[in-house]
Amino acid sequence: MKKILLSSLISFSLLGCSSSVSTSNLDQFSDYTGGKTMGDAATFYWYTERLSQPYNAGNYVFSGDYGWYKSDYRWSEGAVREFIREGEQVQGSDLVPYRVHVRFNVNGEAVYQQYRIDDKVLPLNAEQLQRYQLEANSIADVTKGLVREGNTLIQGYWDGSNFETCSGQSYDEIEFNHTLPTFVVNRLSAFNSYIAVLGKTSANKIVIEELLMLDDNSHDCIERPSLIDKE
C-alpha cells in the first residue's frame, strides 16, 4: 500500500517539529527526536549531544513519488566532520539509487567526497557541500528549539483499540489535537495501521499533535539511520 503522507491531507506549520530529551548520568548524552511535514515530504529527526556539544544526528525523509533518503551526521570539536546519505531520487521517469559521503576538516573544508548515483560518480560543488552542513546544524536547532513543547517522535501500530509503540509500550487511546479528514478517521477505525506522529503520552493515552505518516501494519518501524562507522 502506498504511504499516506499527511501533509497532502492536512495543513500543518512548516516547522511543526518537536523533540524529547533523555540524559545519561554516566556519559551525559542528551537525545532529541522530532519531525515535520512540508509539501509532499515527511521528515523524521534524531539528534544527540554529549556534554552539551553536538555529537551525531540522523534524518529520514519520505517524498512520496519523488523518492526518499536517510542521512547520518557526525560532529567533532563543534563542527560537522562526516556525512553519509543514501536513498532514491527521480531520474527521468524512474527512481534510481544514490549515495553521498563527505568528510570535513575542523574548518569545514571537504577533505573527502563521493557522490554516486545509479552507479555513476559525479562531483559535488561548494554550494551542495555547504547545504549538507547547514542541514546538519538545522536538525540541532529545530529539535532543541521546540523541546519545551514536550512532544516527541512516536511510531507504532494501532488496531482500533490499542496502540503499541515500536519500543513496546501499550496505550488504550489516541487523541488528536487536529481535525482529520473523514477517510483517515475511517481508516484508523477499520484497519490495523502503522502510524508515525509527533505527540506526548498522558496516563494511558497518546495525545497527537501532528500525524506524519499512515500506512498499513506491514510497514516496518523506521530506525535511526546508522551509516557512519563508529570510532
Foldseek 3Di string as FASTA:
>chain_A
DFKDFCVVFDPDPQLPWEWAWDADPVFGKIKIWIWGDDDQKIKIKIFMDTPPAGAKIKMWMDRGPFKIKIKIWGDDPRFTAKMKMWIWGDDPNDTWIKMWIFGADPVLHTPDIWIAINNDTDDDDPVVSVVVRVVGVVSVCSHVVRHVVVKHKWKFKAAQQWTATPVGDIAGEEAEPDDGPPVVVVCRNPAIKIWIFIFHDDDRYTYGDGTGIIDHPVDDDDDGDDDDDDD
